[in-house]
C-alpha atoms as a PDB file:
ATOM      1  CA  MET A   1       0.203   0.706  -0.380  1.00  0.00           C
ATOM      2  CA  ARG A   2       2.869   2.305   1.013  1.00  0.00           C
ATOM      3  CA  LYS A   3       4.152   1.581  -2.478  1.00  0.00           C
ATOM      4  CA  ILE A   4       0.836   2.710  -4.168  1.00  0.00           C
ATOM      5  CA  ILE A   5       1.358   6.371  -2.199  1.00  0.00           C
ATOM      6  CA  LEU A   6       4.661   7.133  -2.881  1.00  0.00           C
ATOM      7  CA  LEU A   7       5.232   6.519  -6.150  1.00  0.00           C
ATOM      8  CA  PRO A   8       2.913   9.046  -7.338  1.00  0.00           C
ATOM      9  CA  LEU A   9       4.500  11.555  -4.647  1.00  0.00           C
ATOM     10  CA  LEU A  10       8.187  10.472  -6.828  1.00  0.00           C
ATOM     11  CA  LEU A  11       6.575  10.691 -10.394  1.00  0.00           C
ATOM     12  CA  ILE A  12       4.847  14.804  -9.082  1.00  0.00           C
ATOM     13  CA  SER A  13       8.201  15.716  -7.118  1.00  0.00           C
ATOM     14  CA  TYR A  14      10.064  14.170 -10.381  1.00  0.00           C
ATOM     15  CA  CYS A  15       7.848  16.118 -12.611  1.00  0.00           C
ATOM     16  CA  LEU A  16       8.504  20.114 -10.307  1.00  0.00           C
ATOM     17  CA  TYR A  17      11.350  19.646 -10.253  1.00  0.00           C
ATOM     18  CA  SER A  18      11.636  18.882 -14.716  1.00  0.00           C
ATOM     19  CA  GLN A  19       9.625  22.291 -14.839  1.00  0.00           C
ATOM     20  CA  ASP A  20      11.561  24.290 -12.202  1.00  0.00           C
ATOM     21  CA  ALA A  21      15.182  23.344 -14.194  1.00  0.00           C
ATOM     22  CA  THR A  22      13.285  24.204 -17.388  1.00  0.00           C
ATOM     23  CA  VAL A  23      12.283  27.617 -16.297  1.00  0.00           C
ATOM     24  CA  LYS A  24      15.198  28.218 -14.498  1.00  0.00           C
ATOM     25  CA  LYS A  25      16.785  27.590 -18.104  1.00  0.00           C
ATOM     26  CA  LEU A  26      14.675  29.891 -19.917  1.00  0.00           C
ATOM     27  CA  LYS A  27      15.363  32.546 -17.928  1.00  0.00           C
ATOM     28  CA  GLU A  28      19.421  32.664 -18.000  1.00  0.00           C
ATOM     29  CA  ASN A  29      18.324  32.183 -21.839  1.00  0.00           C
ATOM     30  CA  ALA A  30      16.276  35.196 -22.273  1.00  0.00           C
ATOM     31  CA  GLU A  31      19.779  36.900 -20.040  1.00  0.00           C
ATOM     32  CA  GLN A  32      21.300  36.328 -22.231  1.00  0.00           C
ATOM     33  CA  SER A  33      22.759  39.262 -24.892  1.00  0.00           C
ATOM     34  CA  ILE A  34      21.997  39.206 -28.406  1.00  0.00           C
ATOM     35  CA  LYS A  35      25.168  39.148 -30.108  1.00  0.00           C
ATOM     36  CA  LYS A  36      25.585  39.892 -33.848  1.00  0.00           C
ATOM     37  CA  ASP A  37      26.415  36.402 -36.258  1.00  0.00           C
ATOM     38  CA  PRO A  38      29.627  37.112 -37.812  1.00  0.00           C
ATOM     39  CA  ALA A  39      28.323  35.912 -40.199  1.00  0.00           C
ATOM     40  CA  ASP A  40      25.641  37.798 -41.660  1.00  0.00           C
ATOM     41  CA  THR A  41      27.083  40.952 -43.660  1.00  0.00           C
ATOM     42  CA  ALA A  42      23.828  42.897 -44.176  1.00  0.00           C
ATOM     43  CA  ILE A  43      24.514  46.744 -43.926  1.00  0.00           C
ATOM     44  CA  LYS A  44      22.530  48.836 -43.152  1.00  0.00           C
ATOM     45  CA  THR A  45      20.741  51.308 -45.411  1.00  0.00           C
ATOM     46  CA  TRP A  46      20.031  53.938 -43.459  1.00  0.00           C
ATOM     47  CA  LYS A  47      21.713  55.971 -41.210  1.00  0.00           C
ATOM     48  CA  LYS A  48      20.036  58.301 -38.946  1.00  0.00           C
ATOM     49  CA  GLY A  49      19.625  61.160 -36.217  1.00  0.00           C
ATOM     50  CA  GLY A  50      20.073  64.302 -34.872  1.00  0.00           C
ATOM     51  CA  ILE A  51      21.034  66.608 -31.315  1.00  0.00           C
ATOM     52  CA  TYR A  52      18.908  68.966 -29.581  1.00  0.00           C
ATOM     53  CA  SER A  53      20.004  71.272 -28.183  1.00  0.00           C
ATOM     54  CA  ILE A  54      18.433  74.229 -25.332  1.00  0.00           C
ATOM     55  CA  ASN A  55      20.257  77.549 -23.498  1.00  0.00           C
ATOM     56  CA  LEU A  56      18.978  79.566 -21.106  1.00  0.00           C
ATOM     57  CA  SER A  57      20.245  82.235 -19.030  1.00  0.00           C
ATOM     58  CA  GLN A  58      18.951  84.967 -16.844  1.00  0.00           C
ATOM     59  CA  GLY A  59      19.717  87.040 -14.868  1.00  0.00           C
ATOM     60  CA  SER A  60      18.423  90.326 -13.093  1.00  0.00           C
ATOM     61  CA  LEU A  61      20.115  93.601 -10.888  1.00  0.00           C
ATOM     62  CA  ASP A  62      18.787  95.653  -7.909  1.00  0.00           C
ATOM     63  CA  ASN A  63      20.592  99.063  -7.218  1.00  0.00           C
ATOM     64  CA  TRP A  64      23.655  97.483  -9.410  1.00  0.00           C
ATOM     65  CA  ALA A  65      26.057 100.824  -8.995  1.00  0.00           C
ATOM     66  CA  ALA A  66      28.144  99.252 -12.577  1.00  0.00           C
ATOM     67  CA  GLY A  67      24.236  99.562 -13.332  1.00  0.00           C
ATOM     68  CA  GLY A  68      22.799  97.338 -16.475  1.00  0.00           C
ATOM     69  CA  ASP A  69      19.718  96.070 -17.317  1.00  0.00           C
ATOM     70  CA  ASP A  70      17.502  94.953 -14.554  1.00  0.00           C
ATOM     71  CA  PHE A  71      16.065  91.948 -15.529  1.00  0.00           C
ATOM     72  CA  SER A  72      16.779  89.880 -19.044  1.00  0.00           C
ATOM     73  CA  LEU A  73      16.512  86.407 -20.239  1.00  0.00           C
ATOM     74  CA  SER A  74      17.591  84.911 -23.241  1.00  0.00           C
ATOM     75  CA  ILE A  75      16.698  81.565 -24.905  1.00  0.00           C
ATOM     76  CA  ASN A  76      18.495  79.251 -28.014  1.00  0.00           C
ATOM     77  CA  SER A  77      17.062  76.709 -28.983  1.00  0.00           C
ATOM     78  CA  ILE A  78      18.711  74.037 -32.030  1.00  0.00           C
ATOM     79  CA  LEU A  79      17.132  70.878 -34.159  1.00  0.00           C
ATOM     80  CA  SER A  80      19.219  69.384 -36.296  1.00  0.00           C
ATOM     81  CA  MET A  81      18.624  66.046 -37.531  1.00  0.00           C
ATOM     82  CA  TYR A  82      19.923  63.931 -40.580  1.00  0.00           C
ATOM     83  CA  ALA A  83      18.835  60.671 -42.721  1.00  0.00           C
ATOM     84  CA  PHE A  84      21.505  59.049 -44.591  1.00  0.00           C
ATOM     85  CA  TYR A  85      19.888  56.569 -47.359  1.00  0.00           C
ATOM     86  CA  LYS A  86      23.304  54.786 -49.389  1.00  0.00           C
ATOM     87  CA  LYS A  87      22.762  50.915 -50.863  1.00  0.00           C
ATOM     88  CA  ASP A  88      24.318  49.454 -53.933  1.00  0.00           C
ATOM     89  CA  ARG A  89      25.038  52.601 -56.789  1.00  0.00           C
ATOM     90  CA  HIS A  90      22.229  54.794 -54.723  1.00  0.00           C
ATOM     91  CA  SER A  91      22.969  57.374 -52.254  1.00  0.00           C
ATOM     92  CA  TRP A  92      19.794  59.812 -50.671  1.00  0.00           C
ATOM     93  CA  ASP A  93      21.528  62.289 -47.506  1.00  0.00           C
ATOM     94  CA  ASN A  94      18.741  64.348 -46.032  1.00  0.00           C
ATOM     95  CA  THR A  95      19.144  66.867 -42.932  1.00  0.00           C
ATOM     96  CA  LEU A  96      16.908  69.149 -41.733  1.00  0.00           C
ATOM     97  CA  ASP A  97      18.262  72.257 -39.288  1.00  0.00           C
ATOM     98  CA  PHE A  98      15.472  74.065 -37.513  1.00  0.00           C
ATOM     99  CA  ASN A  99      17.392  77.101 -35.019  1.00  0.00           C
ATOM    100  CA  VAL A 100      15.041  79.433 -32.539  1.00  0.00           C
ATOM    101  CA  GLY A 101      16.104  82.399 -29.700  1.00  0.00           C
ATOM    102  CA  TYR A 102      14.628  84.834 -28.128  1.00  0.00           C
ATOM    103  CA  VAL A 103      15.650  87.471 -25.496  1.00  0.00           C
ATOM    104  CA  ARG A 104      14.310  89.798 -23.325  1.00  0.00           C
ATOM    105  CA  THR A 105      16.003  93.344 -21.503  1.00  0.00           C
ATOM    106  CA  THR A 106      14.505  96.425 -19.671  1.00  0.00           C
ATOM    107  CA  SER A 107      15.654  98.374 -22.046  1.00  0.00           C
ATOM    108  CA  LEU A 108      15.416  97.063 -25.914  1.00  0.00           C
ATOM    109  CA  GLY A 109      12.458  94.468 -24.661  1.00  0.00           C
ATOM    110  CA  GLY A 110      11.674  91.489 -25.981  1.00  0.00           C
ATOM    111  CA  ARG A 111      13.253  90.099 -30.117  1.00  0.00           C
ATOM    112  CA  LYS A 112      13.870  87.515 -31.771  1.00  0.00           C
ATOM    113  CA  ASN A 113      17.643  86.388 -31.904  1.00  0.00           C
ATOM    114  CA  ASP A 114      18.100  83.528 -33.900  1.00  0.00           C
ATOM    115  CA  ASP A 115      15.173  81.714 -36.700  1.00  0.00           C
ATOM    116  CA  ARG A 116      16.557  79.515 -39.800  1.00  0.00           C
ATOM    117  CA  LEU A 117      14.478  76.267 -40.731  1.00  0.00           C
ATOM    118  CA  ASP A 118      17.418  74.863 -43.551  1.00  0.00           C
ATOM    119  CA  PHE A 119      16.043  71.266 -45.435  1.00  0.00           C
ATOM    120  CA  LEU A 120      18.141  69.686 -47.262  1.00  0.00           C
ATOM    121  CA  SER A 121      18.149  67.067 -49.588  1.00  0.00           C
ATOM    122  CA  LYS A 122      20.505  65.680 -52.499  1.00  0.00           C
ATOM    123  CA  TYR A 123      20.462  62.497 -53.821  1.00  0.00           C
ATOM    124  CA  GLY A 124      23.376  60.484 -56.091  1.00  0.00           C
ATOM    125  CA  TYR A 125      24.455  58.002 -58.357  1.00  0.00           C
ATOM    126  CA  ALA A 126      27.939  56.069 -57.560  1.00  0.00           C
ATOM    127  CA  LEU A 127      30.070  56.071 -61.232  1.00  0.00           C
ATOM    128  CA  THR A 128      32.436  55.622 -58.826  1.00  0.00           C
ATOM    129  CA  SER A 129      33.105  54.816 -54.796  1.00  0.00           C
ATOM    130  CA  LYS A 130      33.500  58.480 -54.136  1.00  0.00           C
ATOM    131  CA  LEU A 131      31.959  60.832 -57.165  1.00  0.00           C
ATOM    132  CA  ASN A 132      28.386  60.974 -58.226  1.00  0.00           C
ATOM    133  CA  VAL A 133      25.832  62.551 -60.401  1.00  0.00           C
ATOM    134  CA  ALA A 134      23.829  64.066 -58.087  1.00  0.00           C
ATOM    135  CA  GLY A 135      20.807  66.299 -57.440  1.00  0.00           C
ATOM    136  CA  LEU A 136      20.128  68.168 -54.716  1.00  0.00           C
ATOM    137  CA  PHE A 137      17.150  70.382 -53.562  1.00  0.00           C
ATOM    138  CA  ASN A 138      16.713  73.668 -50.478  1.00  0.00           C
ATOM    139  CA  PHE A 139      14.820  75.050 -49.323  1.00  0.00           C
ATOM    140  CA  ARG A 140      16.014  78.090 -46.870  1.00  0.00           C
ATOM    141  CA  SER A 141      13.616  80.120 -44.554  1.00  0.00           C
ATOM    142  CA  GLN A 142      12.388  81.092 -40.602  1.00  0.00           C
ATOM    143  CA  LEU A 143       9.459  81.145 -39.528  1.00  0.00           C
ATOM    144  CA  PHE A 144       9.016  84.500 -37.273  1.00  0.00           C
ATOM    145  CA  LYS A 145       8.748  88.061 -37.832  1.00  0.00           C
ATOM    146  CA  GLY A 146      11.995  89.772 -37.884  1.00  0.00           C
ATOM    147  CA  TYR A 147      12.961  93.401 -37.669  1.00  0.00           C
ATOM    148  CA  THR A 148      15.819  95.461 -37.068  1.00  0.00           C
ATOM    149  CA  TYR A 149      16.616  98.769 -34.892  1.00  0.00           C
ATOM    150  CA  PRO A 150      18.105 101.190 -37.355  1.00  0.00           C
ATOM    151  CA  GLY A 151      18.546 104.063 -34.803  1.00  0.00           C
ATOM    152  CA  LYS A 152      16.767 101.867 -32.117  1.00  0.00           C
ATOM    153  CA  VAL A 153      13.302 102.422 -34.730  1.00  0.00           C
ATOM    154  CA  LYS A 154      12.370  98.902 -34.502  1.00  0.00           C
ATOM    155  CA  THR A 155      11.480  98.073 -39.139  1.00  0.00           C
ATOM    156  CA  PHE A 156       9.624  95.108 -40.500  1.00  0.00           C
ATOM    157  CA  SER A 157      12.079  92.911 -41.968  1.00  0.00           C
ATOM    158  CA  SER A 158      11.140  89.631 -42.619  1.00  0.00           C
ATOM    159  CA  ALA A 159       8.605  86.689 -41.796  1.00  0.00           C
ATOM    160  CA  PHE A 160       8.243  83.275 -42.482  1.00  0.00           C
ATOM    161  CA  LEU A 161       8.360  83.246 -46.499  1.00  0.00           C
ATOM    162  CA  SER A 162       9.608  86.510 -46.533  1.00  0.00           C
ATOM    163  CA  PRO A 163      12.283  85.656 -48.045  1.00  0.00           C
ATOM    164  CA  ALA A 164      12.515  82.591 -48.330  1.00  0.00           C
ATOM    165  CA  TYR A 165      14.688  80.385 -51.073  1.00  0.00           C
ATOM    166  CA  ILE A 166      14.276  77.679 -52.822  1.00  0.00           C
ATOM    167  CA  LEU A 167      17.250  76.166 -54.837  1.00  0.00           C
ATOM    168  CA  VAL A 168      17.117  73.266 -57.039  1.00  0.00           C
ATOM    169  CA  SER A 169      20.835  71.392 -58.836  1.00  0.00           C
ATOM    170  CA  PRO A 170      22.289  69.032 -61.195  1.00  0.00           C
ATOM    171  CA  GLY A 171      25.505  68.265 -60.663  1.00  0.00           C
ATOM    172  CA  LEU A 172      28.332  66.331 -59.474  1.00  0.00           C
ATOM    173  CA  ASP A 173      29.455  65.201 -55.363  1.00  0.00           C
ATOM    174  CA  TRP A 174      32.579  64.043 -54.515  1.00  0.00           C
ATOM    175  CA  LYS A 175      32.549  62.177 -51.492  1.00  0.00           C
ATOM    176  CA  PRO A 176      36.291  61.510 -50.490  1.00  0.00           C
ATOM    177  CA  PHE A 177      35.538  60.148 -46.982  1.00  0.00           C
ATOM    178  CA  PRO A 178      31.718  59.449 -45.413  1.00  0.00           C
ATOM    179  CA  GLU A 179      31.603  62.709 -43.047  1.00  0.00           C
ATOM    180  CA  PHE A 180      32.647  65.250 -45.128  1.00  0.00           C
ATOM    181  CA  SER A 181      31.060  66.761 -49.622  1.00  0.00           C
ATOM    182  CA  VAL A 182      31.648  68.528 -52.218  1.00  0.00           C
ATOM    183  CA  PHE A 183      28.920  69.714 -54.443  1.00  0.00           C
ATOM    184  CA  VAL A 184      29.432  70.915 -57.640  1.00  0.00           C
ATOM    185  CA  SER A 185      26.865  72.624 -60.270  1.00  0.00           C
ATOM    186  CA  PRO A 186      27.159  74.514 -63.293  1.00  0.00           C
ATOM    187  CA  ALA A 187      23.835  75.045 -64.057  1.00  0.00           C
ATOM    188  CA  THR A 188      21.342  75.932 -60.860  1.00  0.00           C
ATOM    189  CA  MET A 189      18.120  77.191 -60.844  1.00  0.00           C
ATOM    190  CA  ARG A 190      17.573  79.671 -57.326  1.00  0.00           C
ATOM    191  CA  ILE A 191      12.997  80.742 -56.628  1.00  0.00           C
ATOM    192  CA  ILE A 192      13.425  83.959 -54.107  1.00  0.00           C
ATOM    193  CA  ILE A 193      10.069  84.319 -52.553  1.00  0.00           C
ATOM    194  CA  VAL A 194       9.202  87.265 -50.874  1.00  0.00           C
ATOM    195  CA  LYS A 195       4.733  86.331 -49.394  1.00  0.00           C
ATOM    196  CA  ASP A 196       4.579  89.429 -47.637  1.00  0.00           C
ATOM    197  CA  ASP A 197       2.770  92.397 -49.468  1.00  0.00           C
ATOM    198  CA  THR A 198       4.790  95.278 -47.146  1.00  0.00           C
ATOM    199  CA  LEU A 199       8.137  93.682 -47.878  1.00  0.00           C
ATOM    200  CA  SER A 200       6.896  93.097 -51.837  1.00  0.00           C
ATOM    201  CA  ALA A 201       6.186  96.695 -52.114  1.00  0.00           C
ATOM    202  CA  LYS A 202       9.426  97.532 -51.133  1.00  0.00           C
ATOM    203  CA  GLY A 203      11.802  95.025 -53.266  1.00  0.00           C
ATOM    204  CA  LEU A 204      13.387  93.763 -50.820  1.00  0.00           C
ATOM    205  CA  TYR A 205      15.410  90.421 -50.746  1.00  0.00           C
ATOM    206  CA  GLY A 206      15.812  90.692 -54.751  1.00  0.00           C
ATOM    207  CA  VAL A 207      12.626  91.321 -55.946  1.00  0.00           C
ATOM    208  CA  ASP A 208      11.292  94.298 -58.679  1.00  0.00           C
ATOM    209  CA  PRO A 209       8.906  95.806 -56.104  1.00  0.00           C
ATOM    210  CA  GLY A 210       5.620  95.017 -55.820  1.00  0.00           C
ATOM    211  CA  GLU A 211       6.572  90.899 -57.315  1.00  0.00           C
ATOM    212  CA  HIS A 212       7.226  87.352 -55.002  1.00  0.00           C
ATOM    213  CA  ILE A 213       9.011  85.760 -56.950  1.00  0.00           C
ATOM    214  CA  GLU A 214      12.391  85.603 -58.512  1.00  0.00           C
ATOM    215  CA  THR A 215      14.705  83.579 -60.702  1.00  0.00           C
ATOM    216  CA  GLU A 216      18.093  83.757 -60.754  1.00  0.00           C
ATOM    217  CA  VAL A 217      20.112  81.052 -62.988  1.00  0.00           C
ATOM    218  CA  GLY A 218      24.229  80.683 -61.983  1.00  0.00           C
ATOM    219  CA  ALA A 219      26.472  78.338 -60.460  1.00  0.00           C
ATOM    220  CA  PHE A 220      26.264  76.457 -57.269  1.00  0.00           C
ATOM    221  CA  MET A 221      28.365  74.842 -54.535  1.00  0.00           C
ATOM    222  CA  SER A 222      27.975  73.000 -50.715  1.00  0.00           C
ATOM    223  CA  ILE A 223      29.883  71.517 -49.298  1.00  0.00           C
ATOM    224  CA  ASN A 224      29.492  69.798 -46.341  1.00  0.00           C
ATOM    225  CA  TYR A 225      31.148  67.756 -43.248  1.00  0.00           C
ATOM    226  CA  LEU A 226      29.769  66.699 -40.677  1.00  0.00           C
ATOM    227  CA  LYS A 227      31.633  64.182 -37.705  1.00  0.00           C
ATOM    228  CA  GLU A 228      31.400  62.721 -34.002  1.00  0.00           C
ATOM    229  CA  PHE A 229      36.244  63.200 -33.429  1.00  0.00           C
ATOM    230  CA  ASN A 230      34.127  61.422 -29.663  1.00  0.00           C
ATOM    231  CA  LYS A 231      32.119  61.090 -27.018  1.00  0.00           C
ATOM    232  CA  ILE A 232      32.454  64.554 -26.308  1.00  0.00           C
ATOM    233  CA  VAL A 233      33.150  66.865 -29.952  1.00  0.00           C
ATOM    234  CA  SER A 234      30.718  66.823 -32.816  1.00  0.00           C
ATOM    235  CA  TYR A 235      30.940  69.152 -35.391  1.00  0.00           C
ATOM    236  CA  LYS A 236      28.235  70.411 -38.697  1.00  0.00           C
ATOM    237  CA  GLY A 237      29.376  72.681 -41.374  1.00  0.00           C
ATOM    238  CA  ARG A 238      28.243  73.576 -44.597  1.00  0.00           C
ATOM    239  CA  LEU A 239      29.697  76.580 -46.717  1.00  0.00           C
ATOM    240  CA  ASP A 240      27.101  76.557 -50.390  1.00  0.00           C
ATOM    241  CA  LEU A 241      28.218  79.446 -52.734  1.00  0.00           C
ATOM    242  CA  PHE A 242      26.529  80.721 -55.716  1.00  0.00           C
ATOM    243  CA  SER A 243      26.595  83.435 -58.625  1.00  0.00           C
ATOM    244  CA  ASN A 244      23.986  84.525 -59.967  1.00  0.00           C
ATOM    245  CA  TYR A 245      25.100  84.662 -64.432  1.00  0.00           C
ATOM    246  CA  GLN A 246      22.075  87.117 -65.089  1.00  0.00           C
ATOM    247  CA  GLU A 247      23.504  89.842 -62.278  1.00  0.00           C
ATOM    248  CA  ASP A 248      26.926  91.037 -61.293  1.00  0.00           C
ATOM    249  CA  PRO A 249      28.189  87.727 -61.332  1.00  0.00           C
ATOM    250  CA  GLN A 250      31.401  88.280 -59.710  1.00  0.00           C
ATOM    251  CA  ASN A 251      29.197  89.109 -56.397  1.00  0.00           C
ATOM    252  CA  ILE A 252      29.464  85.560 -55.065  1.00  0.00           C
ATOM    253  CA  ASP A 253      27.334  84.685 -52.053  1.00  0.00           C
ATOM    254  CA  LEU A 254      28.037  82.891 -49.599  1.00  0.00           C
ATOM    255  CA  TYR A 255      25.824  80.701 -46.435  1.00  0.00           C
ATOM    256  CA  PHE A 256      28.413  79.772 -44.253  1.00  0.00           C
ATOM    257  CA  THR A 257      27.064  77.331 -40.947  1.00  0.00           C
ATOM    258  CA  ASN A 258      28.864  76.306 -38.584  1.00  0.00           C
ATOM    259  CA  ILE A 259      27.467  74.932 -35.173  1.00  0.00           C
ATOM    260  CA  LEU A 260      29.914  73.071 -32.519  1.00  0.00           C
ATOM    261  CA  ASN A 261      28.650  70.575 -29.409  1.00  0.00           C
ATOM    262  CA  VAL A 262      31.391  70.307 -26.272  1.00  0.00           C
ATOM    263  CA  LYS A 263      29.121  66.986 -24.018  1.00  0.00           C
ATOM    264  CA  LEU A 264      29.976  68.343 -20.858  1.00  0.00           C
ATOM    265  CA  SER A 265      27.769  65.687 -18.501  1.00  0.00           C
ATOM    266  CA  LYS A 266      25.475  63.488 -19.777  1.00  0.00           C
ATOM    267  CA  VAL A 267      22.674  65.573 -20.504  1.00  0.00           C
ATOM    268  CA  LEU A 268      24.736  69.492 -20.443  1.00  0.00           C
ATOM    269  CA  SER A 269      26.657  70.705 -22.854  1.00  0.00           C
ATOM    270  CA  ALA A 270      28.242  73.669 -24.336  1.00  0.00           C
ATOM    271  CA  THR A 271      27.538  75.024 -28.104  1.00  0.00           C
ATOM    272  CA  TRP A 272      28.254  77.174 -30.299  1.00  0.00           C
ATOM    273  CA  SER A 273      26.918  78.414 -33.481  1.00  0.00           C
ATOM    274  CA  VAL A 274      28.594  80.685 -35.781  1.00  0.00           C
ATOM    275  CA  ASP A 275      26.735  81.952 -38.878  1.00  0.00           C
ATOM    276  CA  MET A 276      28.214  83.784 -41.769  1.00  0.00           C
ATOM    277  CA  ILE A 277      25.717  85.626 -44.935  1.00  0.00           C
ATOM    278  CA  TYR A 278      26.362  87.719 -47.629  1.00  0.00           C
ATOM    279  CA  ASP A 279      23.862  87.832 -50.619  1.00  0.00           C
ATOM    280  CA  ASP A 280      23.795  90.786 -53.020  1.00  0.00           C
ATOM    281  CA  ASP A 281      20.379  90.807 -52.702  1.00  0.00           C
ATOM    282  CA  VAL A 282      19.497  91.671 -49.646  1.00  0.00           C
ATOM    283  CA  LYS A 283      20.705  95.686 -49.216  1.00  0.00           C
ATOM    284  CA  LEU A 284      19.969  96.599 -46.145  1.00  0.00           C
ATOM    285  CA  PHE A 285      22.853  97.399 -44.643  1.00  0.00           C
ATOM    286  CA  GLY A 286      25.266 100.696 -45.110  1.00  0.00           C
ATOM    287  CA  PRO A 287      24.595 104.738 -43.594  1.00  0.00           C
ATOM    288  CA  THR A 288      22.009 104.555 -46.765  1.00  0.00           C
ATOM    289  CA  GLY A 289      20.037 101.762 -45.489  1.00  0.00           C
ATOM    290  CA  LYS A 290      20.570 100.078 -49.189  1.00  0.00           C
ATOM    291  CA  GLY A 291      23.795  98.100 -49.036  1.00  0.00           C
ATOM    292  CA  ALA A 292      25.004  94.470 -48.853  1.00  0.00           C
ATOM    293  CA  ARG A 293      27.336  93.483 -46.179  1.00  0.00           C
ATOM    294  CA  LEU A 294      28.215  90.133 -44.796  1.00  0.00           C
ATOM    295  CA  GLN A 295      26.018  89.621 -42.224  1.00  0.00           C
ATOM    296  CA  LEU A 296      27.195  87.368 -38.660  1.00  0.00           C
ATOM    297  CA  LYS A 297      25.175  85.910 -35.963  1.00  0.00           C
ATOM    298  CA  SER A 298      27.221  83.827 -32.934  1.00  0.00           C
ATOM    299  CA  LEU A 299      26.046  82.049 -30.233  1.00  0.00           C
ATOM    300  CA  VAL A 300      27.364  80.385 -27.181  1.00  0.00           C
ATOM    301  CA  GLY A 301      25.625  78.414 -24.459  1.00  0.00           C
ATOM    302  CA  ILE A 302      25.848  75.911 -21.910  1.00  0.00           C
ATOM    303  CA  GLY A 303      22.275  73.853 -21.762  1.00  0.00           C
ATOM    304  CA  LEU A 304      20.877  70.866 -22.373  1.00  0.00           C
ATOM    305  CA  LEU A 305      21.423  68.529 -24.998  1.00  0.00           C
ATOM    306  CA  VAL A 306      19.219  65.189 -26.476  1.00  0.00           C
ATOM    307  CA  LYS A 307      21.607  63.016 -29.186  1.00  0.00           C
ATOM    308  CA  PHE A 308      19.105  60.717 -31.071  1.00  0.00           C
END
């Protein structure tokens, strides 16, 4: 009788032990890290990423003998994204940059100090390992209304699509290494848009007074460099040069942007942004307010940096 009772108990114990061992084995397998099979030679066709940086500074004075603004507030943000495609002889590079900044002081009030929307897309078909025949599209504008302050007088100067620049360009793209490229085109069409009626009536940014669109044809070059030197320092730079065949081709328009990031901790970074623009059609400067000048903007800040 005892043997009859003990036999089921032994079977149940054996089953429970086996089940526990199986569960333990599954748990160990689940916790193991998955490593790429050395035989897997599949190449990623897309490389995507970007950064977002926001810098904030605030100051206040009260009975300060040395003088200064009683209150100041500055906030600047930079969003820079990229998506690069590469498969066989085909490549497709896309970048999007959106910068916005605002500063407010007791003496000057509130005004923007940065505003840029810039999308660049370039498709290439490889002729050799380093040379592509390519087509380039670029859209550049700003989102918010902007003002200049000649003689401390607030003057309306820009808005969304006023101006905006659309550039369509076939050419050759040389890539000696993945982070660097030089695009050259002898025949490029640049469209200037001034949507706002007030700015259009003044004939600003190269459009005829009362017109909203101006089309130019010329030679174009774009040099791009995007590099993460290490986990701390990264840089992105772009230089665009355009010569208008139809009017003063010797006066070459320049568009030069630079962003340098230095990571200070997991979330904090120092950012230095430098932009230079010379556009022979932008005649807002000088003693008469009708001359073209090199435009320079430099912003330095410490704040939050997110990489993705």
